[in-house]
Amino acid sequence: MPTEELILNKLEGLADAFNGHDVDAVLTFFADDCVMELPQGPEICGSRFEGKAAVRAGVASRFEGLPDVRYDDATHCVVGQQGISRWTISGTTPEGERIAANGCDFYFFDADARVVRKDSYWKIVRKQP
């Protein structure tokens, strides 16, 4: 079973890879049979990607949807083989809309400290009339 310190290091590395917009670097943290659920999409879980090839497409879609995406003010904690990252996401859509929201990721790790599941959540920010 991976140690808390190892999982914390993985969470920090994941944050760096996402902020570097490096799909290949992000995928080095994932197991082949991984699952990723993004907060927005047509399903109750948002958008679900199963398997490393599909997760690659999901990660790439994040960078396409917010080309300047940043995950700032990240904090991480570990409970057993689960890691939680809390952050503030910001970026600009291709249409020029600027977004910012607090969010978190729940990561589940296998015995080799590879991500087998990533489940993402964002606050819904709506402008008041």
N, C-alpha and C. Protein backbone atom coordinates (compact mmCIF):
# COMPACT_ATOMS: atom_id res chain seq x y z
N MET A 1 0.84 -1.18 0.00
CA MET A 1 0.00 0.00 0.00
C MET A 1 0.89 1.25 0.00
N PRO A 2 0.59 2.24 -0.85
CA PRO A 2 1.42 3.44 -0.90
C PRO A 2 1.30 4.25 0.40
N THR A 3 2.37 4.91 0.76
CA THR A 3 2.37 5.72 1.97
C THR A 3 1.65 7.05 1.73
N GLU A 4 1.27 7.70 2.82
CA GLU A 4 0.65 9.02 2.74
C GLU A 4 1.58 10.01 2.05
N GLU A 5 2.87 9.95 2.38
CA GLU A 5 3.85 10.84 1.78
C GLU A 5 3.94 10.63 0.27
N LEU A 6 3.93 9.38 -0.18
CA LEU A 6 3.99 9.09 -1.61
C LEU A 6 2.76 9.64 -2.33
N ILE A 7 1.59 9.43 -1.75
CA ILE A 7 0.37 9.94 -2.38
C ILE A 7 0.38 11.47 -2.40
N LEU A 8 0.82 12.11 -1.33
CA LEU A 8 0.92 13.58 -1.34
C LEU A 8 1.85 14.06 -2.45
N ASN A 9 2.96 13.37 -2.63
CA ASN A 9 3.89 13.71 -3.72
C ASN A 9 3.22 13.54 -5.09
N LYS A 10 2.43 12.49 -5.23
CA LYS A 10 1.71 12.27 -6.49
C LYS A 10 0.70 13.40 -6.73
N LEU A 11 -0.02 13.82 -5.69
CA LEU A 11 -0.99 14.90 -5.83
C LEU A 11 -0.32 16.20 -6.24
N GLU A 12 0.83 16.49 -5.67
CA GLU A 12 1.57 17.69 -6.06
C GLU A 12 2.06 17.59 -7.49
N GLY A 13 2.54 16.41 -7.89
CA GLY A 13 2.99 16.20 -9.27
C GLY A 13 1.85 16.33 -10.26
N LEU A 14 0.68 15.81 -9.90
CA LEU A 14 -0.50 15.95 -10.77
C LEU A 14 -0.87 17.41 -10.95
N ALA A 15 -0.86 18.18 -9.87
CA ALA A 15 -1.19 19.61 -9.97
C ALA A 15 -0.19 20.31 -10.89
N ASP A 16 1.08 19.99 -10.75
CA ASP A 16 2.10 20.61 -11.61
C ASP A 16 1.89 20.23 -13.08
N ALA A 17 1.58 18.96 -13.32
CA ALA A 17 1.38 18.50 -14.70
C ALA A 17 0.15 19.15 -15.32
N PHE A 18 -0.95 19.27 -14.56
CA PHE A 18 -2.13 19.95 -15.07
C PHE A 18 -1.83 21.43 -15.34
N ASN A 19 -1.13 22.08 -14.44
CA ASN A 19 -0.79 23.50 -14.65
C ASN A 19 0.20 23.69 -15.78
N GLY A 20 0.97 22.66 -16.09
CA GLY A 20 1.89 22.71 -17.23
C GLY A 20 1.23 22.37 -18.55
N HIS A 21 -0.06 22.02 -18.50
CA HIS A 21 -0.84 21.67 -19.70
C HIS A 21 -0.17 20.53 -20.47
N ASP A 22 0.39 19.59 -19.75
CA ASP A 22 1.16 18.50 -20.34
C ASP A 22 0.38 17.19 -20.22
N VAL A 23 -0.35 16.84 -21.27
CA VAL A 23 -1.18 15.63 -21.25
C VAL A 23 -0.34 14.40 -20.95
N ASP A 24 0.82 14.27 -21.58
CA ASP A 24 1.65 13.09 -21.36
C ASP A 24 2.12 13.01 -19.91
N ALA A 25 2.50 14.14 -19.33
CA ALA A 25 2.93 14.15 -17.93
C ALA A 25 1.78 13.76 -17.00
N VAL A 26 0.59 14.28 -17.28
CA VAL A 26 -0.58 13.92 -16.47
C VAL A 26 -0.80 12.41 -16.52
N LEU A 27 -0.73 11.84 -17.71
CA LEU A 27 -1.04 10.41 -17.87
C LEU A 27 -0.03 9.49 -17.22
N THR A 28 1.18 9.97 -16.93
CA THR A 28 2.16 9.11 -16.24
C THR A 28 1.68 8.74 -14.85
N PHE A 29 0.74 9.48 -14.30
CA PHE A 29 0.23 9.21 -12.95
C PHE A 29 -0.92 8.20 -12.94
N PHE A 30 -1.47 7.86 -14.12
CA PHE A 30 -2.68 7.05 -14.21
C PHE A 30 -2.38 5.60 -14.56
N ALA A 31 -3.18 4.69 -14.00
CA ALA A 31 -3.14 3.27 -14.34
C ALA A 31 -3.82 3.07 -15.70
N ASP A 32 -3.54 1.95 -16.34
CA ASP A 32 -4.14 1.67 -17.65
C ASP A 32 -5.67 1.56 -17.58
N ASP A 33 -6.20 1.04 -16.49
CA ASP A 33 -7.65 0.83 -16.35
C ASP A 33 -8.32 1.97 -15.57
N CYS A 34 -7.83 3.17 -15.73
CA CYS A 34 -8.31 4.32 -14.97
C CYS A 34 -9.66 4.83 -15.47
N VAL A 35 -10.28 5.64 -14.61
CA VAL A 35 -11.54 6.31 -14.91
C VAL A 35 -11.39 7.76 -14.48
N MET A 36 -11.91 8.67 -15.29
CA MET A 36 -11.91 10.09 -14.93
C MET A 36 -13.30 10.65 -15.19
N GLU A 37 -13.82 11.37 -14.19
CA GLU A 37 -15.11 12.03 -14.33
C GLU A 37 -14.91 13.53 -14.17
N LEU A 38 -15.26 14.27 -15.24
CA LEU A 38 -15.18 15.73 -15.23
C LEU A 38 -16.50 16.31 -14.74
N PRO A 39 -16.49 17.51 -14.17
CA PRO A 39 -17.70 18.03 -13.54
C PRO A 39 -18.82 18.42 -14.49
N GLN A 40 -18.51 18.66 -15.74
CA GLN A 40 -19.56 19.08 -16.67
C GLN A 40 -19.75 18.02 -17.75
N GLY A 41 -20.98 17.84 -18.16
CA GLY A 41 -21.23 16.88 -19.22
C GLY A 41 -22.65 16.39 -19.21
N PRO A 42 -22.96 15.46 -20.10
CA PRO A 42 -24.34 15.02 -20.31
C PRO A 42 -24.84 13.97 -19.32
N GLU A 43 -23.96 13.45 -18.48
CA GLU A 43 -24.35 12.39 -17.56
C GLU A 43 -24.46 12.92 -16.14
N ILE A 44 -25.07 12.16 -15.26
CA ILE A 44 -25.21 12.56 -13.87
C ILE A 44 -23.83 12.77 -13.21
N CYS A 45 -22.82 12.07 -13.73
CA CYS A 45 -21.45 12.20 -13.22
C CYS A 45 -20.66 13.27 -13.97
N GLY A 46 -21.28 13.97 -14.89
CA GLY A 46 -20.57 14.93 -15.73
C GLY A 46 -20.20 14.25 -17.04
N SER A 47 -18.91 14.20 -17.32
CA SER A 47 -18.40 13.44 -18.47
C SER A 47 -17.48 12.36 -17.93
N ARG A 48 -17.69 11.12 -18.36
CA ARG A 48 -16.93 9.97 -17.84
C ARG A 48 -16.04 9.42 -18.94
N PHE A 49 -14.78 9.18 -18.59
CA PHE A 49 -13.79 8.62 -19.51
C PHE A 49 -13.22 7.37 -18.86
N GLU A 50 -13.25 6.23 -19.58
CA GLU A 50 -12.78 4.96 -19.03
C GLU A 50 -11.64 4.43 -19.87
N GLY A 51 -10.53 4.08 -19.22
CA GLY A 51 -9.34 3.58 -19.89
C GLY A 51 -8.40 4.73 -20.22
N LYS A 52 -7.13 4.42 -20.30
CA LYS A 52 -6.11 5.46 -20.45
C LYS A 52 -6.27 6.27 -21.74
N ALA A 53 -6.64 5.64 -22.84
CA ALA A 53 -6.82 6.37 -24.09
C ALA A 53 -7.98 7.37 -23.97
N ALA A 54 -9.06 6.95 -23.35
CA ALA A 54 -10.20 7.85 -23.16
C ALA A 54 -9.86 8.97 -22.18
N VAL A 55 -9.13 8.63 -21.12
CA VAL A 55 -8.71 9.66 -20.15
C VAL A 55 -7.81 10.68 -20.83
N ARG A 56 -6.95 10.22 -21.74
CA ARG A 56 -6.10 11.15 -22.51
C ARG A 56 -7.00 12.16 -23.24
N ALA A 57 -8.05 11.67 -23.88
CA ALA A 57 -8.97 12.56 -24.59
C ALA A 57 -9.66 13.52 -23.62
N GLY A 58 -10.02 13.03 -22.44
CA GLY A 58 -10.67 13.88 -21.43
C GLY A 58 -9.75 14.98 -20.92
N VAL A 59 -8.50 14.64 -20.67
CA VAL A 59 -7.53 15.64 -20.22
C VAL A 59 -7.31 16.67 -21.33
N ALA A 60 -7.16 16.19 -22.55
CA ALA A 60 -6.97 17.11 -23.69
C ALA A 60 -8.17 18.04 -23.84
N SER A 61 -9.38 17.51 -23.57
CA SER A 61 -10.58 18.36 -23.69
C SER A 61 -10.58 19.47 -22.65
N ARG A 62 -10.02 19.20 -21.48
CA ARG A 62 -9.91 20.25 -20.45
C ARG A 62 -9.04 21.38 -20.97
N PHE A 63 -7.91 21.04 -21.59
CA PHE A 63 -6.99 22.05 -22.09
C PHE A 63 -7.55 22.77 -23.32
N GLU A 64 -8.38 22.10 -24.10
CA GLU A 64 -9.03 22.75 -25.25
C GLU A 64 -10.14 23.69 -24.79
N GLY A 65 -10.90 23.27 -23.78
CA GLY A 65 -12.02 24.07 -23.28
C GLY A 65 -11.59 25.29 -22.49
N LEU A 66 -10.41 25.21 -21.87
CA LEU A 66 -9.83 26.33 -21.12
C LEU A 66 -8.33 26.34 -21.42
N PRO A 67 -7.95 26.89 -22.56
CA PRO A 67 -6.55 26.80 -22.99
C PRO A 67 -5.53 27.37 -22.00
N ASP A 68 -5.96 28.33 -21.17
CA ASP A 68 -5.04 28.91 -20.18
C ASP A 68 -5.38 28.46 -18.76
N VAL A 69 -6.00 27.30 -18.63
CA VAL A 69 -6.46 26.81 -17.33
C VAL A 69 -5.34 26.79 -16.29
N ARG A 70 -5.70 27.17 -15.07
CA ARG A 70 -4.79 27.12 -13.92
C ARG A 70 -5.54 26.54 -12.74
N TYR A 71 -4.83 25.78 -11.94
CA TYR A 71 -5.33 25.26 -10.67
C TYR A 71 -4.43 25.85 -9.60
N ASP A 72 -4.92 26.89 -8.93
CA ASP A 72 -4.10 27.61 -7.95
C ASP A 72 -4.58 27.37 -6.53
N ASP A 73 -3.74 27.76 -5.59
CA ASP A 73 -4.05 27.64 -4.15
C ASP A 73 -4.39 26.21 -3.77
N ALA A 74 -3.70 25.25 -4.36
CA ALA A 74 -4.01 23.84 -4.12
C ALA A 74 -3.59 23.41 -2.72
N THR A 75 -4.46 22.64 -2.10
CA THR A 75 -4.13 21.96 -0.85
C THR A 75 -4.50 20.50 -1.05
N HIS A 76 -3.78 19.62 -0.38
CA HIS A 76 -3.97 18.19 -0.57
C HIS A 76 -4.07 17.49 0.78
N CYS A 77 -4.84 16.42 0.81
CA CYS A 77 -4.86 15.55 1.99
C CYS A 77 -5.04 14.11 1.53
N VAL A 78 -4.69 13.20 2.41
CA VAL A 78 -4.74 11.78 2.09
C VAL A 78 -5.49 11.05 3.19
N VAL A 79 -6.38 10.14 2.77
CA VAL A 79 -7.09 9.25 3.67
C VAL A 79 -6.98 7.86 3.08
N GLY A 80 -6.18 7.01 3.69
CA GLY A 80 -5.97 5.67 3.14
C GLY A 80 -5.33 5.77 1.76
N GLN A 81 -5.97 5.17 0.76
CA GLN A 81 -5.48 5.24 -0.62
C GLN A 81 -6.23 6.27 -1.45
N GLN A 82 -6.87 7.20 -0.78
CA GLN A 82 -7.59 8.27 -1.45
C GLN A 82 -6.89 9.59 -1.18
N GLY A 83 -6.73 10.38 -2.24
CA GLY A 83 -6.17 11.71 -2.10
C GLY A 83 -7.20 12.74 -2.53
N ILE A 84 -7.22 13.85 -1.82
CA ILE A 84 -8.15 14.92 -2.14
C ILE A 84 -7.34 16.19 -2.39
N SER A 85 -7.60 16.83 -3.52
CA SER A 85 -6.97 18.10 -3.85
C SER A 85 -8.05 19.15 -3.95
N ARG A 86 -7.85 20.26 -3.25
CA ARG A 86 -8.78 21.39 -3.32
C ARG A 86 -8.02 22.54 -3.97
N TRP A 87 -8.70 23.28 -4.87
CA TRP A 87 -8.02 24.31 -5.64
C TRP A 87 -9.02 25.34 -6.14
N THR A 88 -8.49 26.39 -6.73
CA THR A 88 -9.29 27.37 -7.46
C THR A 88 -8.91 27.26 -8.92
N ILE A 89 -9.89 26.93 -9.75
CA ILE A 89 -9.64 26.83 -11.19
C ILE A 89 -9.94 28.19 -11.82
N SER A 90 -9.14 28.56 -12.80
CA SER A 90 -9.41 29.78 -13.56
C SER A 90 -8.96 29.55 -14.99
N GLY A 91 -9.56 30.30 -15.88
CA GLY A 91 -9.19 30.20 -17.28
C GLY A 91 -10.16 30.95 -18.16
N THR A 92 -9.86 30.94 -19.44
CA THR A 92 -10.67 31.64 -20.43
C THR A 92 -11.09 30.64 -21.50
N THR A 93 -12.39 30.62 -21.78
CA THR A 93 -12.89 29.72 -22.82
C THR A 93 -12.47 30.23 -24.19
N PRO A 94 -12.53 29.38 -25.22
CA PRO A 94 -12.21 29.85 -26.58
C PRO A 94 -13.11 31.01 -27.03
N GLU A 95 -14.29 31.14 -26.42
CA GLU A 95 -15.20 32.24 -26.76
C GLU A 95 -14.87 33.52 -26.00
N GLY A 96 -13.87 33.46 -25.11
CA GLY A 96 -13.44 34.66 -24.38
C GLY A 96 -14.07 34.84 -23.01
N GLU A 97 -14.88 33.88 -22.55
CA GLU A 97 -15.49 33.98 -21.22
C GLU A 97 -14.47 33.59 -20.16
N ARG A 98 -14.30 34.44 -19.19
CA ARG A 98 -13.37 34.19 -18.09
C ARG A 98 -14.12 33.44 -16.99
N ILE A 99 -13.56 32.36 -16.49
CA ILE A 99 -14.19 31.61 -15.42
C ILE A 99 -13.23 31.51 -14.24
N ALA A 100 -13.81 31.39 -13.06
CA ALA A 100 -13.06 31.12 -11.83
C ALA A 100 -14.02 30.45 -10.86
N ALA A 101 -13.58 29.37 -10.23
CA ALA A 101 -14.42 28.65 -9.30
C ALA A 101 -13.55 27.80 -8.38
N ASN A 102 -14.04 27.60 -7.17
CA ASN A 102 -13.38 26.64 -6.29
C ASN A 102 -13.81 25.24 -6.69
N GLY A 103 -12.94 24.29 -6.48
CA GLY A 103 -13.27 22.92 -6.81
C GLY A 103 -12.36 21.95 -6.08
N CYS A 104 -12.60 20.67 -6.35
CA CYS A 104 -11.77 19.64 -5.73
C CYS A 104 -11.77 18.39 -6.62
N ASP A 105 -10.75 17.60 -6.42
CA ASP A 105 -10.62 16.31 -7.08
C ASP A 105 -10.50 15.24 -6.01
N PHE A 106 -11.19 14.15 -6.20
CA PHE A 106 -11.03 12.96 -5.38
C PHE A 106 -10.26 11.96 -6.23
N TYR A 107 -9.10 11.58 -5.78
CA TYR A 107 -8.26 10.61 -6.48
C TYR A 107 -8.23 9.31 -5.68
N PHE A 108 -8.30 8.21 -6.39
CA PHE A 108 -8.20 6.89 -5.78
C PHE A 108 -6.98 6.21 -6.40
N PHE A 109 -6.10 5.68 -5.57
CA PHE A 109 -4.84 5.11 -6.00
C PHE A 109 -4.82 3.61 -5.81
N ASP A 110 -4.10 2.91 -6.71
CA ASP A 110 -3.93 1.47 -6.55
C ASP A 110 -2.70 1.20 -5.67
N ALA A 111 -2.36 -0.07 -5.51
CA ALA A 111 -1.24 -0.46 -4.65
C ALA A 111 0.10 0.07 -5.16
N ASP A 112 0.17 0.41 -6.45
CA ASP A 112 1.41 0.96 -7.03
C ASP A 112 1.39 2.49 -7.09
N ALA A 113 0.45 3.10 -6.38
CA ALA A 113 0.30 4.57 -6.31
C ALA A 113 0.00 5.19 -7.67
N ARG A 114 -0.75 4.45 -8.49
CA ARG A 114 -1.24 4.99 -9.77
C ARG A 114 -2.71 5.34 -9.60
N VAL A 115 -3.13 6.40 -10.27
CA VAL A 115 -4.53 6.83 -10.18
C VAL A 115 -5.41 5.84 -10.94
N VAL A 116 -6.40 5.30 -10.24
CA VAL A 116 -7.38 4.43 -10.89
C VAL A 116 -8.71 5.16 -11.09
N ARG A 117 -8.90 6.26 -10.33
CA ARG A 117 -10.12 7.05 -10.51
C ARG A 117 -9.85 8.49 -10.10
N LYS A 118 -10.32 9.41 -10.93
CA LYS A 118 -10.27 10.84 -10.64
C LYS A 118 -11.68 11.37 -10.81
N ASP A 119 -12.21 11.97 -9.76
CA ASP A 119 -13.58 12.48 -9.76
C ASP A 119 -13.51 13.96 -9.41
N SER A 120 -13.91 14.84 -10.33
CA SER A 120 -13.75 16.30 -10.18
C SER A 120 -15.08 17.00 -9.92
N TYR A 121 -14.99 18.05 -9.10
CA TYR A 121 -16.16 18.88 -8.76
C TYR A 121 -15.76 20.34 -8.78
N TRP A 122 -16.66 21.19 -9.29
CA TRP A 122 -16.49 22.65 -9.25
C TRP A 122 -17.73 23.27 -8.65
N LYS A 123 -17.53 24.42 -8.01
CA LYS A 123 -18.67 25.23 -7.59
C LYS A 123 -19.32 25.78 -8.86
N ILE A 124 -20.63 25.94 -8.84
CA ILE A 124 -21.34 26.55 -9.96
C ILE A 124 -21.45 28.05 -9.67
N VAL A 125 -20.85 28.84 -10.51
CA VAL A 125 -20.82 30.28 -10.33
C VAL A 125 -21.79 30.91 -11.33
N ARG A 126 -22.77 31.63 -10.81
CA ARG A 126 -23.73 32.31 -11.67
C ARG A 126 -23.77 33.78 -11.27
N LYS A 127 -23.78 34.63 -12.26
CA LYS A 127 -23.89 36.06 -12.03
C LYS A 127 -25.32 36.37 -11.60
N GLN A 128 -25.47 37.17 -10.56
CA GLN A 128 -26.80 37.57 -10.10
C GLN A 128 -27.29 38.75 -10.95
N PRO A 129 -28.59 38.77 -11.28
CA PRO A 129 -29.11 39.87 -12.12
C PRO A 129 -29.09 41.21 -11.38
